[in-house]
């Protein structure tokens, strides 16, 4: 799942959704939202952080603006369950991708997805494309459609 394998699986999933994406690779990686924004040349708020949380019913995915952290109480209220941050093994099992490279779609099975409303402030946002060094641009409204995500207020500015 490292290297180009994650990118190839992501591209196959994007193609199945009928979308043409153009990932960009950054050999130095994009370890933080700030790193990614600097490499891309966009605002930190345009970076999509894909964060996996555990619930008693399975994993959920929170797509959060790069300038925000997740308010777990608010996300739990939206998801109508208790949540806690998933460990790396749980996140990989749920999404098929490593932390830091988790794309918003292309997972082995559908994952309930919640989208930070602050991402919709931007016409275009940038999300991981299956590896820790690849990202792709996507219109924020298309992100909602492609993921079937629920837009909600759970992001807190850092």
Protein backbone atom coordinates (compact mmCIF):
# COMPACT_ATOMS: atom_id res chain seq x y z
CA UNK A 1 0.00 0.00 0.00
CA UNK A 2 3.00 2.20 0.02
CA UNK A 3 4.49 3.75 -3.05
CA UNK A 4 2.65 3.66 -6.31
CA UNK A 5 0.35 0.75 -5.37
CA UNK A 6 -1.88 3.05 -3.29
CA UNK A 7 -1.87 5.63 -6.07
CA UNK A 8 -2.81 3.01 -8.67
CA UNK A 9 -5.69 1.71 -6.52
CA UNK A 10 -6.89 5.27 -5.97
CA UNK A 11 -6.79 6.03 -9.71
CA UNK A 12 -8.78 2.85 -10.44
CA UNK A 13 -11.40 3.88 -7.88
CA UNK A 14 -11.61 7.41 -9.32
CA UNK A 15 -12.07 5.95 -12.79
CA UNK A 16 -14.90 3.71 -11.54
CA UNK A 17 -16.62 6.83 -10.21
CA UNK A 18 -16.34 8.33 -13.68
CA UNK A 19 -13.85 10.97 -12.66
CA UNK A 20 -10.60 11.95 -14.22
CA UNK A 21 -8.15 13.05 -11.57
CA UNK A 22 -4.66 14.39 -11.99
CA UNK A 23 -2.62 13.53 -8.93
CA UNK A 24 0.52 15.49 -8.17
CA UNK A 25 3.43 13.82 -6.38
CA UNK A 26 5.71 15.54 -3.89
CA UNK A 27 8.79 13.37 -3.28
CA UNK A 28 9.47 15.13 0.03
CA UNK A 29 5.98 14.12 1.16
CA UNK A 30 3.25 16.23 2.65
CA UNK A 31 3.32 15.17 6.30
CA UNK A 32 1.15 18.01 7.61
CA UNK A 33 -1.59 20.17 6.16
CA UNK A 34 0.82 23.11 6.28
CA UNK A 35 3.47 21.12 4.38
CA UNK A 36 0.91 20.16 1.75
CA UNK A 37 -0.39 23.71 1.36
CA UNK A 38 3.15 25.07 1.00
CA UNK A 39 4.06 22.43 -1.61
CA UNK A 40 0.86 22.99 -3.59
CA UNK A 41 0.72 26.75 -3.17
CA UNK A 42 -2.79 26.89 -1.72
CA UNK A 43 -4.40 27.89 1.57
CA UNK A 44 -4.15 25.42 4.46
CA UNK A 45 -7.95 25.40 4.57
CA UNK A 46 -8.00 23.85 1.08
CA UNK A 47 -6.21 20.72 2.30
CA UNK A 48 -8.51 17.78 3.04
CA UNK A 49 -7.39 15.80 6.07
CA UNK A 50 -8.84 12.27 5.90
CA UNK A 51 -9.18 11.11 9.51
CA UNK A 52 -10.55 7.72 10.54
CA UNK A 53 -12.48 7.28 13.76
CA UNK A 54 -13.75 4.14 15.48
CA UNK A 55 -17.32 3.75 16.68
CA UNK A 56 -19.13 0.79 18.27
CA UNK A 57 -20.58 0.21 14.77
CA UNK A 58 -17.33 0.39 12.77
CA UNK A 59 -15.15 3.05 11.24
CA UNK A 60 -16.21 6.50 10.04
CA UNK A 61 -14.22 8.92 7.91
CA UNK A 62 -14.01 12.62 8.69
CA UNK A 63 -12.85 14.84 5.83
CA UNK A 64 -11.63 17.92 7.64
CA UNK A 65 -10.27 21.27 6.50
CA UNK A 66 -6.50 21.44 6.94
CA UNK A 67 -6.81 24.41 9.28
CA UNK A 68 -9.17 22.58 11.63
CA UNK A 69 -9.11 19.79 14.15
CA UNK A 70 -12.06 17.47 14.69
CA UNK A 71 -14.31 18.17 17.66
CA UNK A 72 -15.03 14.53 18.51
CA UNK A 73 -18.11 15.42 20.57
CA UNK A 74 -19.61 17.35 17.65
CA UNK A 75 -18.74 14.58 15.17
CA UNK A 76 -20.19 11.97 17.53
CA UNK A 77 -23.42 13.98 17.75
CA UNK A 78 -23.65 14.17 13.94
CA UNK A 79 -22.89 10.45 13.60
CA UNK A 80 -25.25 9.64 16.52
CA UNK A 81 -22.64 7.48 18.22
CA UNK A 82 -19.54 7.64 20.37
CA UNK A 83 -16.29 8.01 18.49
CA UNK A 84 -12.59 7.89 19.15
CA UNK A 85 -9.57 8.29 16.92
CA UNK A 86 -8.74 5.00 15.17
CA UNK A 87 -5.25 3.56 15.47
CA UNK A 88 -3.15 3.04 12.34
CA UNK A 89 -4.09 -0.63 12.00
CA UNK A 90 -7.82 0.05 12.28
CA UNK A 91 -7.59 2.94 9.82
CA UNK A 92 -5.73 0.80 7.29
CA UNK A 93 -8.17 -2.10 7.69
CA UNK A 94 -11.15 0.23 7.12
CA UNK A 95 -9.76 2.22 4.21
CA UNK A 96 -7.10 0.01 2.62
CA UNK A 97 -4.64 2.91 2.80
CA UNK A 98 -1.95 4.08 5.20
CA UNK A 99 -2.47 7.10 7.42
CA UNK A 100 -1.24 10.18 5.59
CA UNK A 101 -2.26 8.84 2.19
CA UNK A 102 -5.92 8.00 2.77
CA UNK A 103 -8.04 9.30 -0.11
CA UNK A 104 -11.65 10.36 0.37
CA UNK A 105 -12.93 7.40 -1.69
CA UNK A 106 -11.68 4.11 -3.11
CA UNK A 107 -11.95 2.08 0.08
CA UNK A 108 -12.64 -1.67 0.07
CA UNK A 109 -16.17 -1.08 1.40
CA UNK A 110 -18.24 2.07 1.87
CA UNK A 111 -17.41 4.04 5.02
CA UNK A 112 -19.81 6.55 6.53
CA UNK A 113 -18.19 9.88 5.63
CA UNK A 114 -18.60 13.29 7.24
CA UNK A 115 -17.35 16.47 5.57
CA UNK A 116 -16.25 19.55 7.47
CA UNK A 117 -18.46 22.39 6.25
CA UNK A 118 -15.38 24.65 6.15
CA UNK A 119 -14.11 22.74 3.09
CA UNK A 120 -17.09 24.03 1.09
CA UNK A 121 -15.83 27.62 1.47
CA UNK A 122 -13.31 26.71 -1.25
CA UNK A 123 -14.24 25.88 -4.83
CA UNK A 124 -11.29 23.48 -5.14
CA UNK A 125 -9.70 21.44 -2.35
CA UNK A 126 -6.74 19.04 -2.33
CA UNK A 127 -6.95 15.50 -0.93
CA UNK A 128 -4.58 12.55 -0.58
CA UNK A 129 -4.39 10.30 -3.62
CA UNK A 130 -3.47 7.00 -1.98
CA UNK A 131 0.10 7.70 -0.88
CA UNK A 132 1.82 10.05 1.56
CA UNK A 133 3.40 11.95 -1.32
CA UNK A 134 0.45 12.33 -3.71
CA UNK A 135 -2.53 14.69 -3.72
CA UNK A 136 -5.20 15.65 -6.21
CA UNK A 137 -7.47 18.64 -6.70
CA UNK A 138 -11.23 18.19 -6.58
CA UNK A 139 -14.13 20.63 -6.56
CA UNK A 140 -15.53 20.70 -3.04
CA UNK A 141 -19.09 20.00 -4.25
CA UNK A 142 -17.81 17.00 -6.24
CA UNK A 143 -16.09 15.76 -3.07
CA UNK A 144 -19.50 15.67 -1.40
CA UNK A 145 -21.07 13.84 -4.35
CA UNK A 146 -18.21 11.36 -4.85
CA UNK A 147 -18.10 10.35 -1.19
CA UNK A 148 -21.80 10.50 -0.39
CA UNK A 149 -20.61 12.43 2.65
CA UNK A 150 -22.73 14.29 5.16
CA UNK A 151 -21.70 17.95 5.43
CA UNK A 152 -21.60 19.02 9.07
CA UNK A 153 -20.06 21.41 11.57
CA UNK A 154 -17.44 19.44 13.50
CA UNK A 155 -14.24 21.27 12.58
CA UNK A 156 -12.62 23.61 15.09
CA UNK A 157 -10.05 26.11 13.92
CA UNK A 158 -6.58 25.39 15.27
